[in-house]
Amino acid sequence: MSQPTPPFLLFLPALRLPLLSSLIILPHLLLEPGSIKEVLWVVCVLVSNSSSSVPNFLKFSFLAPVQENDCPEPKSSDVAALSTRSAAYGVGESPLRSHRHSWRQQIFLRVATPQKNTETNERGDPCLEGGRVCVGQVGVGGSGDSSIRVVPEERTKRSKEELRELWRKAILQQILLQRMERENQKLQASENDLQNKRLKLDYEEITPCLKDVTLVWEKMLGTPARAKVKFDTETIHAAVAQGVPRQHRGEIWKFLSEQYLLRQTVPSRPPANHTPYKELLKQLTSQQHAILIDLGRTFPTHPYFQAQLGAGQLSLYNLLKAYSLLDPEVGYCQGLSFIAGVLLLHMGEEDAFNMLKFLMYDVGLRKQYRPDMIILQIQMYQLSRLLHDYHRDLYSHLEQQEIGPSLYATPWFLTAFASHFPLGFVARVFDMLFLQGSEVIFKVALSLLGSHKPLILQHENLESIVDFIKTTLPNLGLVQMEKTINQVCQMDMSKQLQAYEVEYHVLQDELLDTPPTLNQQQRAAQLERTNQSLRQQNLDLLEELQVSHARVCSLESRVDALAQSEAQLREHVSALEEEKKQLFSTVTRLQDLLTSLGIHATPDGHALPSTL
């Protein structure tokens, strides 16, 4: 009669319980006497159903899955081995008892019985839980039935504490494996981050940063509580002019923004919405369709943004969506995606969002993205006036062909040159933008047009001139790009830009004379539009006045510091002159003393004894 199978084992193969949870159940089974054989059944089922991550002491190299109706024929070598082991037992041992075994018992016998005599001799007879079960001789008659012989125990039974310790070690090993798996996942994520960083910074540097300059930047970036420390302006300007290390560019932009805010005595108008970036990502925006359309148009050749809805495009979408919710007046405007894209290439999403807020509100770029586009019109007028004052012949040539700045310079201002120029050049423009503000775009535009003036003058029609400015001009060489950046570092046109803006408003007021043919309603509507425009201009002028006042205060404090430094230097010079007089008198006295002693000094200071 076959041995009955424990009831709870019938469900284990179907349930396929995880190894770790089963390990927690097994120690409770060990507490009951006589449950050793049931535990062995559980071990067999667990090992056959577990993954490769089980502890080493539960792995059997000879374990193979067996079908339910599969009864393999015993090989001759196996029969001989079994017969040898059966005959080895002496008199007095338990008699053989023939049993018809179920397929579960056959699995158990396969696992518990050694396959080779050499292994038995070396390791001793296999025992599980202090007992040993062997296969006897195969019955005669070809039935294929085996016999079970209960071998007397040669080892002492493990105590409950030892068994608990054994399973505790198994659980700890499984926990260690899972922990190692998590560490491997973290390592893989770190490698992916490094690969993404290399992919983002895949552009040619315009101004190579020397090692000494890199050390200067690292020293400033490593200053404790640097957000509250005001560094010397000349030192920062010199460092930016000499180059910015590409691997630290994102951190340096944050550092420059901190210094910009420290120098600004009158704070700019902050956004009305103070919702954190992660909360903004959970909301919906009405600008979603426009943002999605422009994702594929933003840096289409850069590998980080090439993949449709890849990591780059998804980050760009999140950033533009969050800003459209933060600033409903601007929402989303074409060109803003390039500004956000350049920031994302050098920092993470949340840092890029903060830097985008800084550029839009503190630097003042958001004014050119407002729906009325008035500031953009003013910028076009200011650029024309700069060309008129600095490059009169080029201005006349463009006017003769009826080419205004709006035909070629609009994307320069809306994208900060990022839509047409190489990324290495754009990164240098952003370096200056974080340092000096929005007037950098005027400086770069004027420098580019002025340096290519002879080539532009060679073209005689509108199409060729616009095509040259839009396609040939952005492909200038590295030497010309570096020359342009060096010119920008030396230019100062803030006063001219302010004067041109006032001039624009005066000319606009002169053109607002109301014709007498308008009726009362039309005249009221026009006056309302004019009034609204004047209000906006007043707000802009008030903001500029605050900025100018802050600049004046900064210059005054700088003048005071220079005056104090000059006074200290004058005192130092006076002290040195007094010391010089004292030394001169000492030398005179020494010479007189030498003369009185009859010693004459040579011109080189050596003393010679006088000849008698």
Foldseek 3Di string as FASTA:
>chain_A
DEDDDDPVLVCCLVVLDAPLVVLVVVLVQVVDPPCQVVSLLVLLSNQVSYDPLFDPVSHDPPQDDDDQPDQDADDPVQLVVQAVVQVPDDPPFDDWDWHAYGVSVVSSQVVQADDDVVCCVVVNHGDGQQWHKGWHHQDPDPPRTIIIGTDDGPDDGDDSVVVVVVSVVRSVSSVVVVVVVVVVVVVVVVVVVVVLLCLLLPFDALQDADPVLVVVVVVLLPDPPSLQDADDLVVLLVSLLNHDDQLCLLVVLVSLLSNLQVLQPDAFDAFPDPDALVVLLVDDDPCLVVLLVCQCLAPCPRPLSVDRPDPLSVLLSSLLSSVLVRDVQLNDDPQVSLQLSLSVSRDPSRSSSVSSSCQCTVLPLVVCRGPVNPVVVLVQQLLLVVCCVPPVVLSVLCVVQPHGCVLACSSCSSNVCRNQATSNLSSSLSSVCSNPGSCLSSLLVVLLCVVCVVVLVVDRHDVVNNCCRRHVSRPDDSVSSSVSSSSSSVDDCPVSSVVSSVVVVVVVVVVLDDDPVDDPVVVVVSVVVVVVVVVVVVVVVVSVVSRVVSVVVSVVVVVVVVVVVVVVVVVVVVVVVVVVVVVVVVVVVVCVVCVVVQWHADPVGDIDHHDD
